[in-house]
N, C-alpha and C. Protein backbone atom coordinates (compact mmCIF):
# COMPACT_ATOMS: atom_id res chain seq x y z
N MET A 1 9.05 15.97 -14.32
CA MET A 1 8.31 14.41 -13.94
C MET A 1 9.32 13.61 -13.93
N HIS A 2 10.43 13.42 -14.71
CA HIS A 2 11.05 12.47 -14.08
C HIS A 2 11.94 12.34 -12.65
N TYR A 3 12.20 13.25 -12.38
CA TYR A 3 12.20 13.36 -10.79
C TYR A 3 11.30 13.18 -9.90
N ARG A 4 9.74 13.18 -10.16
CA ARG A 4 8.91 12.61 -9.44
C ARG A 4 8.97 11.33 -9.91
N ARG A 5 8.84 10.70 -10.54
CA ARG A 5 8.92 9.25 -11.22
C ARG A 5 10.28 8.51 -10.06
N SER A 6 11.26 9.15 -10.44
CA SER A 6 12.59 8.57 -9.90
C SER A 6 12.16 8.54 -8.08
N LEU A 7 11.55 9.54 -7.22
CA LEU A 7 11.43 9.95 -6.06
C LEU A 7 9.78 8.47 -5.75
N CYS A 8 9.22 8.41 -7.06
CA CYS A 8 8.05 7.75 -6.48
C CYS A 8 8.69 6.01 -6.54
N ASN A 9 9.57 6.16 -7.40
CA ASN A 9 10.35 4.63 -7.55
C ASN A 9 10.73 4.02 -6.50
N THR A 10 11.56 5.06 -5.93
CA THR A 10 12.16 5.02 -4.37
C THR A 10 11.83 4.66 -3.56
N VAL A 11 10.94 5.59 -3.24
CA VAL A 11 9.67 5.65 -1.90
C VAL A 11 9.02 4.24 -1.93
N VAL A 12 8.73 3.99 -3.46
CA VAL A 12 7.79 2.66 -3.23
C VAL A 12 8.85 1.69 -3.02
N GLY A 13 10.38 1.52 -3.18
CA GLY A 13 10.87 0.24 -3.14
C GLY A 13 11.42 0.27 -1.68
N ILE A 14 11.09 1.16 -0.63
CA ILE A 14 11.23 1.63 0.76
C ILE A 14 10.41 1.29 1.65
N VAL A 15 9.05 1.57 1.20
CA VAL A 15 7.92 0.78 1.65
C VAL A 15 7.93 -0.48 1.48
N LEU A 16 7.92 -1.38 -0.06
CA LEU A 16 7.68 -2.68 0.33
C LEU A 16 8.86 -3.17 0.48
N SER A 17 9.97 -3.22 0.57
CA SER A 17 11.02 -3.61 1.57
C SER A 17 10.81 -3.53 3.02
N GLY A 18 10.20 -2.72 3.47
CA GLY A 18 10.26 -2.40 4.99
C GLY A 18 8.50 -3.27 5.54
N ILE A 19 7.84 -3.26 4.55
CA ILE A 19 6.69 -4.45 4.77
C ILE A 19 7.04 -5.44 4.75
N ALA A 20 8.24 -5.91 3.71
CA ALA A 20 8.69 -7.62 3.52
C ALA A 20 9.43 -7.65 4.91
N LEU A 21 9.89 -7.05 5.21
CA LEU A 21 10.81 -7.19 6.49
C LEU A 21 10.05 -7.10 8.04
N ALA A 22 8.79 -6.71 7.81
CA ALA A 22 8.14 -6.42 8.88
C ALA A 22 6.95 -7.39 9.39
N ALA A 23 6.70 -8.22 7.87
CA ALA A 23 5.72 -9.77 7.71
C ALA A 23 6.27 -10.48 8.48
N HIS A 24 8.03 -10.55 8.92
CA HIS A 24 8.38 -11.72 9.21
C HIS A 24 8.83 -11.58 10.83
N ALA A 25 8.14 -10.14 10.94
CA ALA A 25 8.36 -9.92 12.56
C ALA A 25 7.04 -9.90 13.28
N GLY A 26 7.50 -10.17 14.52
CA GLY A 26 6.02 -10.10 15.23
C GLY A 26 5.81 -8.48 15.56
N PRO A 27 4.04 -8.29 16.02
CA PRO A 27 3.91 -6.85 16.23
C PRO A 27 4.66 -6.58 17.36
N ALA A 28 5.06 -6.93 17.95
CA ALA A 28 6.10 -6.24 19.54
C ALA A 28 7.36 -6.24 18.79
N GLU A 29 7.96 -6.74 18.04
CA GLU A 29 8.72 -6.49 17.11
C GLU A 29 9.24 -5.34 16.55
N THR A 30 8.44 -5.15 15.55
CA THR A 30 8.11 -3.92 14.68
C THR A 30 7.15 -2.74 15.13
N ARG A 31 7.54 -1.86 15.35
CA ARG A 31 6.57 -0.45 15.43
C ARG A 31 6.99 0.46 14.39
N TYR A 32 6.02 0.75 13.75
CA TYR A 32 5.83 1.83 13.16
C TYR A 32 5.75 3.05 13.20
N GLN A 33 6.29 3.97 13.20
CA GLN A 33 5.97 5.47 13.51
C GLN A 33 4.43 6.08 12.86
N TYR A 34 4.14 6.90 12.81
CA TYR A 34 3.21 7.27 12.48
C TYR A 34 3.17 7.76 10.79
N SER A 35 4.17 8.72 10.41
CA SER A 35 4.20 9.03 9.22
C SER A 35 4.80 7.78 8.47
N ALA A 36 5.68 7.26 9.03
CA ALA A 36 6.11 5.89 8.30
C ALA A 36 4.64 5.06 7.87
N ALA A 37 3.60 4.59 8.55
CA ALA A 37 2.71 4.24 8.46
C ALA A 37 1.54 4.72 7.17
N VAL A 38 1.84 6.31 7.57
CA VAL A 38 0.84 6.83 6.51
C VAL A 38 1.51 6.94 5.36
N GLN A 39 2.97 7.18 5.26
CA GLN A 39 3.29 6.99 3.86
C GLN A 39 3.20 5.48 3.27
N GLU A 40 3.41 4.08 3.81
CA GLU A 40 3.17 3.40 3.66
C GLU A 40 1.57 2.70 2.94
N ILE A 41 0.44 3.40 4.02
CA ILE A 41 -0.36 3.27 3.64
C ILE A 41 -0.97 3.33 2.16
N THR A 42 -0.62 4.71 1.86
CA THR A 42 -0.78 5.44 0.78
C THR A 42 -0.13 4.71 -0.65
N GLN A 43 1.38 4.27 -0.32
CA GLN A 43 2.07 3.66 -1.45
C GLN A 43 1.21 2.31 -1.55
N LEU A 44 0.37 1.56 -0.57
CA LEU A 44 0.07 0.23 -0.71
C LEU A 44 -1.51 0.51 -1.67
N TYR A 45 -2.08 1.32 -0.87
CA TYR A 45 -3.15 1.78 -1.75
C TYR A 45 -3.23 2.06 -3.04
N TRP A 46 -1.74 2.79 -3.44
CA TRP A 46 -1.83 3.53 -4.75
C TRP A 46 -1.46 1.85 -5.35
N LEU A 47 -0.55 1.11 -5.13
CA LEU A 47 -0.37 -0.01 -5.94
C LEU A 47 -1.91 -0.91 -5.81
N ALA A 48 -2.71 -1.18 -5.47
CA ALA A 48 -3.77 -1.78 -5.91
C ALA A 48 -4.59 -0.80 -6.39
N GLU A 49 -4.54 0.71 -6.36
CA GLU A 49 -5.16 1.34 -7.62
C GLU A 49 -4.87 1.07 -8.49
N THR A 50 -3.22 1.17 -8.53
CA THR A 50 -2.93 1.05 -9.80
C THR A 50 -3.43 -0.96 -10.42
N ALA A 51 -2.90 -1.40 -10.05
CA ALA A 51 -3.80 -2.72 -10.26
C ALA A 51 -4.99 -2.98 -11.22
N HIS A 52 -5.91 -2.13 -10.13
CA HIS A 52 -6.98 -2.11 -10.76
C HIS A 52 -7.22 -0.88 -11.80
N THR A 53 -6.72 -0.26 -11.90
CA THR A 53 -6.70 0.45 -12.78
C THR A 53 -6.55 0.33 -14.55
N CYS A 54 -4.93 -0.81 -14.34
CA CYS A 54 -4.57 -1.60 -15.23
C CYS A 54 -5.04 -2.25 -15.88
N GLY A 55 -6.10 -2.87 -14.92
CA GLY A 55 -6.75 -4.30 -15.30
C GLY A 55 -5.80 -5.94 -14.82
N TRP A 56 -5.17 -5.07 -14.15
CA TRP A 56 -4.16 -6.84 -13.32
C TRP A 56 -4.85 -7.23 -11.68
N ALA A 57 -6.02 -6.45 -11.81
CA ALA A 57 -6.95 -6.98 -10.51
C ALA A 57 -8.40 -6.10 -10.99
N THR A 58 -9.16 -6.72 -10.22
CA THR A 58 -10.30 -6.55 -10.26
C THR A 58 -11.03 -5.96 -8.87
N ARG A 59 -11.92 -4.78 -8.77
CA ARG A 59 -12.25 -3.83 -7.22
C ARG A 59 -12.33 -4.73 -6.34
N GLU A 60 -13.03 -6.13 -6.13
CA GLU A 60 -12.58 -6.75 -4.87
C GLU A 60 -11.42 -7.24 -5.01
N GLU A 61 -10.56 -7.42 -5.70
CA GLU A 61 -9.10 -7.71 -5.26
C GLU A 61 -8.24 -6.70 -4.90
N ALA A 62 -8.01 -5.18 -5.14
CA ALA A 62 -7.81 -4.31 -4.91
C ALA A 62 -8.37 -3.98 -3.56
N ASP A 63 -9.84 -3.89 -3.28
CA ASP A 63 -9.96 -3.77 -1.94
C ASP A 63 -9.55 -4.71 -0.96
N GLU A 64 -9.68 -5.79 -1.00
CA GLU A 64 -9.22 -6.65 -0.06
C GLU A 64 -7.76 -6.49 0.14
N PHE A 65 -6.84 -6.33 -1.10
CA PHE A 65 -5.34 -5.77 -1.02
C PHE A 65 -5.17 -4.95 0.53
N GLU A 66 -6.05 -3.82 0.23
CA GLU A 66 -6.24 -2.29 1.08
C GLU A 66 -7.03 -2.69 1.87
N ALA A 67 -7.45 -3.51 2.54
CA ALA A 67 -8.17 -4.07 3.66
C ALA A 67 -6.90 -4.45 4.47
N PHE A 68 -5.81 -5.40 3.75
CA PHE A 68 -5.19 -6.40 4.60
C PHE A 68 -4.07 -5.14 4.80
N ALA A 69 -3.35 -4.52 3.93
CA ALA A 69 -2.92 -3.14 4.31
C ALA A 69 -2.97 -2.95 5.43
N VAL A 70 -4.36 -2.07 5.55
CA VAL A 70 -4.79 -1.37 6.47
C VAL A 70 -4.58 -2.41 8.32
N ARG A 71 -4.64 -3.67 8.10
CA ARG A 71 -4.89 -4.81 9.54
C ARG A 71 -3.03 -4.65 9.57
N PHE A 72 -2.46 -4.75 8.38
CA PHE A 72 -0.97 -5.42 8.93
C PHE A 72 -0.38 -4.16 9.70
N LEU A 73 -0.89 -2.92 9.00
CA LEU A 73 -0.04 -1.77 9.25
C LEU A 73 -0.77 -1.74 10.90
N SER A 74 -1.97 -1.65 11.11
CA SER A 74 -2.30 -1.27 12.12
C SER A 74 -1.61 -2.36 13.42
N ALA A 75 -1.88 -3.45 13.29
CA ALA A 75 -1.11 -4.19 13.75
C ALA A 75 0.51 -3.94 14.61
N HIS A 76 1.03 -2.83 13.87
CA HIS A 76 2.57 -2.66 13.66
C HIS A 76 2.16 -1.26 14.61
N LEU A 77 1.39 -0.53 14.64
CA LEU A 77 1.52 0.67 15.66
C LEU A 77 0.76 0.88 17.01
N SER A 78 1.38 1.73 18.00
CA SER A 78 0.37 1.99 18.95
C SER A 78 -1.20 2.37 18.68
N ARG A 79 -1.34 2.29 19.88
CA ARG A 79 -2.85 2.73 20.20
C ARG A 79 -2.66 3.88 19.71
N VAL A 80 -2.51 4.77 20.19
CA VAL A 80 -2.31 6.18 19.86
C VAL A 80 -2.35 6.34 18.28
N TYR A 81 -1.17 5.76 17.95
CA TYR A 81 -1.19 6.03 16.29
C TYR A 81 -2.03 5.32 15.37
N ARG A 82 -2.81 4.40 15.99
CA ARG A 82 -3.45 3.42 15.36
C ARG A 82 -4.77 4.22 15.16
N ALA A 83 -5.20 4.88 15.80
CA ALA A 83 -6.44 5.94 15.71
C ALA A 83 -6.11 6.97 15.26
N ALA A 84 -4.93 7.59 15.39
CA ALA A 84 -4.87 8.54 14.00
C ALA A 84 -4.69 7.76 12.77
N PHE A 85 -4.50 6.94 12.51
CA PHE A 85 -4.45 6.25 10.94
C PHE A 85 -5.38 5.60 10.83
N TYR A 86 -6.11 5.32 11.63
CA TYR A 86 -7.81 5.12 11.24
C TYR A 86 -8.45 6.56 10.76
N SER A 87 -8.16 7.39 11.66
CA SER A 87 -8.62 8.53 10.95
C SER A 87 -8.38 8.63 10.02
N MET A 88 -7.26 9.13 9.39
CA MET A 88 -6.75 9.35 8.11
C MET A 88 -7.57 8.89 7.13
N ILE A 89 -7.26 7.32 7.01
CA ILE A 89 -7.68 6.27 5.88
C ILE A 89 -9.22 6.69 5.71
N ASN A 90 -9.97 7.21 6.86
CA ASN A 90 -11.37 7.04 6.91
C ASN A 90 -11.57 8.15 6.56
N GLN A 91 -10.99 9.09 6.11
CA GLN A 91 -11.46 10.58 5.52
C GLN A 91 -12.42 9.92 3.86
N ALA A 92 -13.44 10.48 3.94
CA ALA A 92 -13.85 10.65 2.63
C ALA A 92 -13.02 11.26 1.63
N SER A 93 -11.89 12.04 1.66
CA SER A 93 -11.25 12.15 0.64
C SER A 93 -9.62 10.64 -0.12
N PHE A 94 -9.53 10.65 0.84
CA PHE A 94 -8.42 9.65 0.99
C PHE A 94 -8.27 8.49 0.08
N GLN A 95 -9.24 7.86 0.01
CA GLN A 95 -8.71 6.96 -1.22
C GLN A 95 -9.26 7.06 -2.74
N PRO A 96 -10.45 8.23 -2.61
CA PRO A 96 -10.85 8.86 -4.23
C PRO A 96 -9.57 9.50 -4.59
N ALA A 97 -8.34 10.32 -4.05
CA ALA A 97 -7.37 10.66 -4.12
C ALA A 97 -6.29 10.05 -4.89
N VAL A 98 -6.06 8.92 -3.83
CA VAL A 98 -5.22 8.07 -4.26
C VAL A 98 -5.84 7.36 -5.74
N GLN A 99 -7.12 7.14 -6.21
CA GLN A 99 -7.57 6.37 -7.16
C GLN A 99 -7.35 7.07 -8.39
N ARG A 100 -7.50 8.90 -7.97
CA ARG A 100 -7.46 9.66 -9.04
C ARG A 100 -6.36 9.29 -9.46
N VAL A 101 -5.10 9.71 -8.73
CA VAL A 101 -3.66 9.57 -8.97
C VAL A 101 -3.25 8.63 -10.15
N ALA A 102 -3.94 7.14 -9.22
CA ALA A 102 -3.51 6.35 -10.30
C ALA A 102 -4.12 6.57 -11.62
N TYR A 103 -5.43 6.58 -11.72
CA TYR A 103 -6.45 7.35 -12.60
C TYR A 103 -5.19 7.17 -13.78
N GLU A 104 -4.76 9.00 -13.29
CA GLU A 104 -4.23 9.70 -14.47
C GLU A 104 -2.94 9.42 -14.72
N ASN A 105 -1.83 8.05 -14.23
CA ASN A 105 -0.72 8.02 -14.61
C ASN A 105 -0.66 6.79 -14.85
N ARG A 106 -2.04 6.63 -15.09
CA ARG A 106 -1.97 4.98 -16.03
C ARG A 106 -1.56 4.54 -17.24
N SER A 107 -1.22 5.48 -18.29
CA SER A 107 -0.83 5.55 -19.22
C SER A 107 0.73 5.46 -19.29
N HIS A 108 1.19 6.00 -18.16
CA HIS A 108 2.89 5.17 -17.77
C HIS A 108 3.25 4.12 -17.20
N ASN A 109 2.38 3.77 -15.78
CA ASN A 109 2.57 3.07 -15.12
C ASN A 109 2.03 1.54 -15.22
N CYS A 110 0.90 1.50 -16.43
CA CYS A 110 0.68 0.51 -17.04
C CYS A 110 1.44 -0.91 -17.42
N GLY A 111 2.08 0.42 -18.39
CA GLY A 111 3.07 -0.47 -19.28
C GLY A 111 4.47 -0.87 -18.54
N LEU A 112 4.80 -0.81 -17.15
CA LEU A 112 5.41 -0.90 -16.59
C LEU A 112 6.12 -2.12 -15.69
N ALA A 113 6.93 -3.07 -15.85
CA ALA A 113 6.66 -4.61 -15.30
C ALA A 113 7.19 -4.14 -13.90
N ARG A 114 7.87 -3.64 -13.56
CA ARG A 114 8.10 -3.17 -12.18
C ARG A 114 6.83 -3.19 -11.36
N TRP A 115 5.94 -2.51 -11.63
CA TRP A 115 4.10 -1.95 -10.77
C TRP A 115 3.48 -3.73 -10.94
N ARG A 116 3.77 -4.26 -12.60
CA ARG A 116 3.04 -5.24 -12.33
C ARG A 116 3.15 -6.23 -11.27
N ASN A 117 4.56 -6.94 -11.68
CA ASN A 117 5.36 -7.65 -10.74
C ASN A 117 5.14 -7.21 -9.43
N GLY A 118 5.65 -5.97 -9.18
CA GLY A 118 5.06 -5.49 -7.70
C GLY A 118 3.73 -5.98 -7.03
N TRP A 119 2.85 -5.50 -7.98
CA TRP A 119 1.23 -6.39 -7.30
C TRP A 119 1.12 -7.48 -7.46
N ILE A 120 1.82 -8.56 -8.07
CA ILE A 120 1.47 -9.86 -8.35
C ILE A 120 2.72 -10.36 -6.84
N SER A 121 3.48 -9.67 -6.50
CA SER A 121 4.01 -10.19 -5.37
C SER A 121 3.57 -9.72 -3.85
N TYR A 122 3.05 -8.56 -4.01
CA TYR A 122 2.51 -8.21 -2.25
C TYR A 122 1.35 -8.58 -2.68
N LYS A 123 0.60 -9.24 -3.53
CA LYS A 123 -1.23 -9.22 -3.68
C LYS A 123 -0.99 -11.09 -3.24
N SER A 124 -0.08 -11.48 -3.90
CA SER A 124 0.44 -13.06 -3.21
C SER A 124 0.66 -13.06 -1.88
N ALA A 125 1.79 -12.14 -0.85
CA ALA A 125 1.99 -11.93 0.06
C ALA A 125 0.73 -12.16 0.95
N ALA A 126 0.45 -11.08 0.51
CA ALA A 126 -0.99 -10.37 1.23
C ALA A 126 -2.10 -11.63 1.26
N ASP A 127 -2.33 -12.39 0.52
CA ASP A 127 -3.40 -13.83 0.10
C ASP A 127 -2.76 -14.55 1.45
N GLU A 128 -1.18 -14.72 1.19
CA GLU A 128 -0.65 -15.81 2.50
C GLU A 128 -0.69 -15.44 3.61
N ASN A 129 -1.23 -14.17 3.87
CA ASN A 129 -0.95 -13.70 5.21
C ASN A 129 -2.28 -12.89 5.48
N ALA A 130 -3.47 -13.39 5.15
CA ALA A 130 -4.93 -12.68 5.26
C ALA A 130 -5.04 -13.51 6.56
N SER A 131 -5.02 -14.52 6.83
CA SER A 131 -5.77 -15.00 8.62
C SER A 131 -4.60 -14.55 9.56
N ARG A 132 -3.18 -13.99 9.46
CA ARG A 132 -2.90 -13.89 10.55
C ARG A 132 -2.80 -12.44 10.81
N TYR A 133 -3.33 -11.26 9.65
CA TYR A 133 -3.63 -10.13 9.97
C TYR A 133 -4.96 -9.49 9.87
């Protein structure tokens, strides 16, 4: 259990750092590989679903954040990777699986300031860049 939490914390930190760096670069400057985009969208959906499950965000706020994350990441993917990316996130099982994980781990995650502060920071950055992506 500790290993999984530690790995999750590391992955989320890397993902959030990558998004912050890419937000300052233009689409031509930063291109994601498919595997990196899949990892990042999964973590960002998880963050939004955790925020909703913990009561830090409304369903609408979580949905808006997820939509922004899709727009942001797809803007940094090649045409081929973008098509595969959309195919993956549009699978009927993708969002329910992320929601289930957030819900099942709410007793642990809702009490962590790290996730709440991360949500507040990334939601704010998404709101500030909503018209850009």
